[in-house]
Amino acid sequence: MIKIEEKLFQNRYKVDEGRPHIQIANPSVCSSTCEVQACTFACPAACYSATETGGVELNTDGCLECGTCRIICSEHHNVDWAYPRGGHGILFKFG
């Protein structure tokens, strides 16, 4: 079975240091209000991961800019999402 990391390696990502285009608006919502934490398994780039303390950690490196996190978190409105600055973000190799 091919891991998602191997498939995502085909794309390139230019990180915008110090200016993430996605942020968790209120981290306490993830641990106190959100029971499912669907972002941890719905994000196709695996940018979200559950922490040992019951919260959610976000690493935007490798984000596909698909907007899944905004949709999946629409109940809590806890994702601040914008496109990266020009020249940054996902650089698709094929297509």
Protein backbone atom coordinates (compact mmCIF):
# COMPACT_ATOMS: atom_id res chain seq x y z
CA MET A 1 0.00 0.00 0.00
CA ILE A 2 1.35 3.41 -0.95
CA LYS A 3 1.35 5.98 1.84
CA ILE A 4 -0.06 9.43 1.24
CA GLU A 5 3.35 10.95 2.01
CA GLU A 6 4.81 9.12 -1.00
CA LYS A 7 2.09 10.49 -3.29
CA LEU A 8 2.35 14.01 -1.89
CA PHE A 9 6.10 13.94 -2.49
CA GLN A 10 5.28 14.38 -6.19
CA ASN A 11 4.17 17.95 -5.41
CA ARG A 12 6.37 20.75 -4.15
CA TYR A 13 5.47 23.28 -1.51
CA LYS A 14 7.07 26.66 -0.95
CA VAL A 15 6.69 27.57 2.71
CA ASP A 16 5.95 31.19 3.57
CA GLU A 17 8.01 31.35 6.76
CA GLY A 18 6.24 33.13 9.60
CA ARG A 19 3.04 33.68 7.59
CA PRO A 20 0.88 30.55 7.69
CA HIS A 21 -2.19 30.80 5.48
CA ILE A 22 -4.21 28.61 7.83
CA GLN A 23 -4.53 28.95 11.58
CA ILE A 24 -6.67 27.41 14.28
CA ALA A 25 -8.62 30.42 15.53
CA ASN A 26 -9.14 29.18 19.09
CA PRO A 27 -7.18 26.03 20.05
CA SER A 28 -9.32 25.45 23.14
CA VAL A 29 -12.37 24.83 20.91
CA CYS A 30 -10.61 21.78 19.46
CA SER A 31 -10.09 20.20 22.87
CA SER A 32 -13.24 21.32 24.67
CA THR A 33 -16.06 21.70 22.13
CA CYS A 34 -15.13 19.53 19.15
CA GLU A 35 -15.69 15.88 20.05
CA VAL A 36 -14.88 14.30 16.67
CA GLN A 37 -11.86 16.35 15.52
CA ALA A 38 -12.64 15.37 11.94
CA CYS A 39 -9.85 17.58 10.60
CA THR A 40 -7.33 15.06 11.94
CA PHE A 41 -8.52 12.42 9.49
CA ALA A 42 -10.27 14.40 6.72
CA CYS A 43 -7.34 16.57 5.60
CA PRO A 44 -5.86 14.85 2.53
CA ALA A 45 -2.40 16.24 3.30
CA ALA A 46 -2.54 15.21 6.98
CA CYS A 47 -1.81 18.76 8.16
CA TYR A 48 -3.87 18.29 11.33
CA SER A 49 -2.95 15.84 14.08
CA ALA A 50 -4.37 15.07 17.51
CA THR A 51 -2.19 15.93 20.47
CA GLU A 52 -1.72 13.90 23.64
CA THR A 53 -3.61 16.57 25.59
CA GLY A 54 -6.74 16.21 23.43
CA GLY A 55 -6.13 19.24 21.23
CA VAL A 56 -5.29 19.58 17.56
CA GLU A 57 -1.94 20.60 16.11
CA LEU A 58 -1.64 22.20 12.68
CA ASN A 59 1.36 22.05 10.36
CA THR A 60 0.60 23.91 7.13
CA ASP A 61 3.71 22.69 5.30
CA GLY A 62 2.41 20.58 2.43
CA CYS A 63 -1.15 21.92 2.53
CA LEU A 64 -3.00 21.22 -0.73
CA GLU A 65 -5.16 24.36 -0.32
CA CYS A 66 -8.28 22.30 -0.96
CA GLY A 67 -10.41 23.91 1.78
CA THR A 68 -11.48 20.60 3.35
CA CYS A 69 -10.61 21.91 6.81
CA ARG A 70 -12.94 24.91 6.38
CA ILE A 71 -15.81 22.67 5.37
CA ILE A 72 -15.23 20.01 8.01
CA CYS A 73 -14.98 22.67 10.75
CA SER A 74 -17.97 24.71 9.56
CA GLU A 75 -19.91 23.85 12.72
CA HIS A 76 -17.30 25.51 14.96
CA HIS A 77 -15.89 28.11 12.50
CA ASN A 78 -12.48 27.56 14.09
CA VAL A 79 -10.28 27.63 10.99
CA ASP A 80 -8.90 30.92 9.69
CA TRP A 81 -8.06 30.11 6.05
CA ALA A 82 -6.77 32.21 3.18
CA TYR A 83 -4.78 31.53 0.05
CA PRO A 84 -1.01 31.84 0.52
CA ARG A 85 0.79 34.90 -0.78
CA GLY A 86 1.73 34.78 -4.45
CA GLY A 87 4.61 32.43 -5.18
CA HIS A 88 4.06 30.42 -2.01
CA GLY A 89 2.05 27.32 -1.25
CA ILE A 90 1.47 24.19 -3.31
CA LEU A 91 3.27 23.77 -6.61
CA PHE A 92 1.63 20.86 -8.41
CA LYS A 93 4.01 18.78 -10.50
CA PHE A 94 1.38 17.25 -12.75
CA GLY A 95 -1.51 19.40 -13.89
